[in-house]
Amino acid sequence: MSKVNKTITFHINNEAYTIDIGEDEDNLLEEGLKKFLTTEKNLSTMELLLAYLRKSQELVILESQIKEELDKIPSLDIKNLPID
């Protein structure tokens, strides 16, 4: 069976924008988009910008947390590894 691309429609400044979000079988992308943007009402440019800034902040925090965890992993000194 072929997979179907999913679309989502946002209404921004009284204009409808339908976006193809590809195959989203588990709805992760759709849920992620709807976390900060509603599809139930018209959005202003300010609300769109605010959603972008909130998502950007979320990603910056996540990157920082990932870096902190990676810094806890000891690095390998490849030059001093024995070669068989």
N, C-alpha and C. Protein backbone atom coordinates (compact mmCIF):
# COMPACT_ATOMS: atom_id res chain seq x y z
N MET A 1 0.84 -1.17 0.00
CA MET A 1 0.00 0.00 0.00
C MET A 1 0.90 1.25 0.00
N SER A 2 0.56 2.22 -0.82
CA SER A 2 1.37 3.44 -0.89
C SER A 2 1.07 4.34 0.29
N LYS A 3 2.08 5.07 0.68
CA LYS A 3 1.93 6.00 1.80
C LYS A 3 1.39 7.32 1.28
N VAL A 4 0.57 7.96 2.09
CA VAL A 4 -0.09 9.20 1.69
C VAL A 4 0.55 10.37 2.42
N ASN A 5 0.85 11.41 1.66
CA ASN A 5 1.35 12.63 2.29
C ASN A 5 0.21 13.33 2.99
N LYS A 6 0.54 13.92 4.11
CA LYS A 6 -0.46 14.61 4.93
C LYS A 6 -0.33 16.12 4.70
N THR A 7 -1.46 16.80 4.75
CA THR A 7 -1.44 18.26 4.65
C THR A 7 -2.04 18.86 5.92
N ILE A 8 -1.65 20.08 6.19
CA ILE A 8 -2.19 20.82 7.32
C ILE A 8 -2.43 22.25 6.85
N THR A 9 -3.54 22.82 7.27
CA THR A 9 -3.90 24.17 6.83
C THR A 9 -3.88 25.14 8.01
N PHE A 10 -3.15 26.23 7.80
CA PHE A 10 -3.12 27.32 8.77
C PHE A 10 -3.78 28.53 8.13
N HIS A 11 -4.49 29.30 8.92
CA HIS A 11 -5.11 30.54 8.46
C HIS A 11 -4.35 31.70 9.09
N ILE A 12 -3.65 32.44 8.24
CA ILE A 12 -2.80 33.54 8.71
C ILE A 12 -3.23 34.82 8.00
N ASN A 13 -3.60 35.81 8.77
CA ASN A 13 -4.07 37.09 8.22
C ASN A 13 -5.19 36.87 7.20
N ASN A 14 -6.12 35.99 7.56
CA ASN A 14 -7.29 35.70 6.73
C ASN A 14 -6.96 35.06 5.39
N GLU A 15 -5.80 34.44 5.29
CA GLU A 15 -5.41 33.67 4.10
C GLU A 15 -5.17 32.24 4.55
N ALA A 16 -5.65 31.27 3.78
CA ALA A 16 -5.43 29.86 4.10
C ALA A 16 -4.16 29.38 3.43
N TYR A 17 -3.30 28.74 4.20
CA TYR A 17 -2.05 28.18 3.70
C TYR A 17 -2.06 26.69 4.00
N THR A 18 -2.17 25.87 2.97
CA THR A 18 -2.15 24.42 3.13
C THR A 18 -0.75 23.94 2.79
N ILE A 19 -0.16 23.23 3.72
CA ILE A 19 1.23 22.80 3.62
C ILE A 19 1.28 21.28 3.61
N ASP A 20 2.03 20.73 2.66
CA ASP A 20 2.25 19.29 2.60
C ASP A 20 3.37 18.96 3.59
N ILE A 21 3.04 18.20 4.64
CA ILE A 21 4.05 17.86 5.65
C ILE A 21 4.60 16.46 5.45
N GLY A 22 4.28 15.86 4.32
CA GLY A 22 4.83 14.55 3.99
C GLY A 22 4.16 13.43 4.76
N GLU A 23 4.84 12.31 4.80
CA GLU A 23 4.33 11.15 5.52
C GLU A 23 4.52 11.39 7.02
N ASP A 24 3.44 11.42 7.73
CA ASP A 24 3.48 11.69 9.18
C ASP A 24 2.58 10.67 9.87
N GLU A 25 2.94 9.40 9.72
CA GLU A 25 2.11 8.30 10.21
C GLU A 25 1.83 8.39 11.70
N ASP A 26 2.82 8.80 12.46
CA ASP A 26 2.66 8.85 13.92
C ASP A 26 2.21 10.22 14.42
N ASN A 27 1.94 11.14 13.50
CA ASN A 27 1.45 12.49 13.82
C ASN A 27 2.41 13.34 14.64
N LEU A 28 3.67 12.97 14.68
CA LEU A 28 4.63 13.74 15.48
C LEU A 28 4.84 15.14 14.93
N LEU A 29 4.99 15.25 13.61
CA LEU A 29 5.21 16.57 13.02
C LEU A 29 3.97 17.44 13.18
N GLU A 30 2.80 16.87 12.90
CA GLU A 30 1.56 17.64 13.03
C GLU A 30 1.37 18.12 14.48
N GLU A 31 1.59 17.24 15.44
CA GLU A 31 1.46 17.63 16.85
C GLU A 31 2.49 18.69 17.23
N GLY A 32 3.69 18.55 16.70
CA GLY A 32 4.72 19.55 16.97
C GLY A 32 4.37 20.91 16.42
N LEU A 33 3.78 20.94 15.22
CA LEU A 33 3.35 22.21 14.64
C LEU A 33 2.20 22.82 15.42
N LYS A 34 1.27 21.97 15.84
CA LYS A 34 0.09 22.47 16.55
C LYS A 34 0.39 22.84 18.00
N LYS A 35 1.60 22.51 18.47
CA LYS A 35 1.97 22.87 19.84
C LYS A 35 1.94 24.39 20.02
N PHE A 36 2.38 25.11 19.00
CA PHE A 36 2.46 26.56 19.08
C PHE A 36 1.55 27.28 18.09
N LEU A 37 1.01 26.55 17.11
CA LEU A 37 0.14 27.15 16.09
C LEU A 37 -1.18 26.41 16.04
N THR A 38 -2.27 27.11 16.17
CA THR A 38 -3.58 26.47 16.08
C THR A 38 -4.06 26.42 14.63
N THR A 39 -4.81 25.41 14.31
CA THR A 39 -5.46 25.34 13.00
C THR A 39 -6.93 25.69 13.14
N GLU A 40 -7.35 26.02 14.33
CA GLU A 40 -8.77 26.26 14.62
C GLU A 40 -9.22 27.70 14.43
N LYS A 41 -8.28 28.64 14.30
CA LYS A 41 -8.68 30.04 14.16
C LYS A 41 -7.64 30.78 13.32
N ASN A 42 -8.01 31.97 12.92
CA ASN A 42 -7.10 32.81 12.16
C ASN A 42 -5.95 33.28 13.06
N LEU A 43 -4.76 33.25 12.51
CA LEU A 43 -3.57 33.71 13.24
C LEU A 43 -3.09 35.03 12.66
N SER A 44 -2.58 35.89 13.51
CA SER A 44 -1.98 37.13 13.03
C SER A 44 -0.49 36.89 12.77
N THR A 45 0.12 37.83 12.09
CA THR A 45 1.56 37.74 11.85
C THR A 45 2.32 37.71 13.19
N MET A 46 1.84 38.46 14.16
CA MET A 46 2.47 38.49 15.48
C MET A 46 2.40 37.10 16.14
N GLU A 47 1.25 36.44 16.04
CA GLU A 47 1.11 35.10 16.62
C GLU A 47 2.04 34.09 15.92
N LEU A 48 2.18 34.24 14.61
CA LEU A 48 3.08 33.37 13.85
C LEU A 48 4.52 33.59 14.28
N LEU A 49 4.91 34.83 14.43
CA LEU A 49 6.26 35.15 14.88
C LEU A 49 6.50 34.64 16.30
N LEU A 50 5.52 34.80 17.17
CA LEU A 50 5.64 34.32 18.54
C LEU A 50 5.81 32.79 18.57
N ALA A 51 5.08 32.09 17.74
CA ALA A 51 5.20 30.63 17.67
C ALA A 51 6.60 30.23 17.20
N TYR A 52 7.11 30.96 16.23
CA TYR A 52 8.47 30.70 15.74
C TYR A 52 9.50 30.91 16.86
N LEU A 53 9.35 31.99 17.59
CA LEU A 53 10.29 32.29 18.68
C LEU A 53 10.20 31.25 19.79
N ARG A 54 9.00 30.80 20.12
CA ARG A 54 8.83 29.77 21.15
C ARG A 54 9.48 28.46 20.72
N LYS A 55 9.27 28.07 19.46
CA LYS A 55 9.88 26.84 18.95
C LYS A 55 11.40 26.97 18.91
N SER A 56 11.89 28.14 18.52
CA SER A 56 13.34 28.37 18.50
C SER A 56 13.92 28.26 19.90
N GLN A 57 13.23 28.83 20.89
CA GLN A 57 13.69 28.74 22.27
C GLN A 57 13.72 27.28 22.73
N GLU A 58 12.69 26.53 22.38
CA GLU A 58 12.63 25.12 22.73
C GLU A 58 13.83 24.36 22.14
N LEU A 59 14.18 24.65 20.90
CA LEU A 59 15.30 23.98 20.25
C LEU A 59 16.64 24.38 20.84
N VAL A 60 16.80 25.65 21.21
CA VAL A 60 18.04 26.11 21.83
C VAL A 60 18.25 25.40 23.18
N ILE A 61 17.17 25.27 23.95
CA ILE A 61 17.26 24.57 25.24
C ILE A 61 17.61 23.11 25.02
N LEU A 62 16.98 22.47 24.04
CA LEU A 62 17.25 21.07 23.75
C LEU A 62 18.70 20.87 23.30
N GLU A 63 19.20 21.76 22.44
CA GLU A 63 20.60 21.67 22.01
C GLU A 63 21.54 21.80 23.21
N SER A 64 21.24 22.69 24.12
CA SER A 64 22.06 22.88 25.31
C SER A 64 22.06 21.62 26.18
N GLN A 65 20.88 21.02 26.34
CA GLN A 65 20.78 19.80 27.14
C GLN A 65 21.55 18.64 26.49
N ILE A 66 21.46 18.54 25.17
CA ILE A 66 22.20 17.49 24.46
C ILE A 66 23.69 17.71 24.61
N LYS A 67 24.15 18.96 24.47
CA LYS A 67 25.57 19.25 24.63
C LYS A 67 26.05 18.89 26.03
N GLU A 68 25.25 19.22 27.05
CA GLU A 68 25.62 18.87 28.43
C GLU A 68 25.77 17.36 28.59
N GLU A 69 24.86 16.60 28.00
CA GLU A 69 24.94 15.14 28.09
C GLU A 69 26.14 14.60 27.32
N LEU A 70 26.41 15.17 26.15
CA LEU A 70 27.56 14.72 25.36
C LEU A 70 28.87 15.04 26.06
N ASP A 71 28.91 16.16 26.77
CA ASP A 71 30.12 16.53 27.49
C ASP A 71 30.43 15.55 28.63
N LYS A 72 29.44 14.82 29.09
CA LYS A 72 29.63 13.83 30.15
C LYS A 72 30.27 12.54 29.63
N ILE A 73 30.22 12.33 28.33
CA ILE A 73 30.78 11.11 27.74
C ILE A 73 32.28 11.31 27.56
N PRO A 74 33.08 10.39 28.09
CA PRO A 74 34.53 10.54 27.93
C PRO A 74 34.92 10.43 26.46
N SER A 75 35.86 11.25 26.06
CA SER A 75 36.30 11.21 24.66
C SER A 75 37.37 10.12 24.50
N LEU A 76 37.50 9.62 23.30
CA LEU A 76 38.51 8.62 22.99
C LEU A 76 39.72 9.30 22.39
N ASP A 77 40.88 8.93 22.86
CA ASP A 77 42.11 9.44 22.27
C ASP A 77 42.54 8.43 21.21
N ILE A 78 42.19 8.70 19.98
CA ILE A 78 42.42 7.73 18.90
C ILE A 78 43.91 7.51 18.67
N LYS A 79 44.74 8.49 18.92
CA LYS A 79 46.17 8.36 18.67
C LYS A 79 46.81 7.28 19.56
N ASN A 80 46.25 7.08 20.73
CA ASN A 80 46.86 6.13 21.69
C ASN A 80 46.17 4.77 21.71
N LEU A 81 45.27 4.50 20.77
CA LEU A 81 44.64 3.19 20.73
C LEU A 81 45.59 2.18 20.11
N PRO A 82 45.66 0.96 20.71
CA PRO A 82 46.53 -0.07 20.13
C PRO A 82 45.99 -0.53 18.78
N ILE A 83 46.88 -0.74 17.86
CA ILE A 83 46.52 -1.24 16.52
C ILE A 83 47.01 -2.67 16.42
N ASP A 84 46.09 -3.58 16.13
CA ASP A 84 46.46 -5.01 15.99
C ASP A 84 46.80 -5.35 14.57
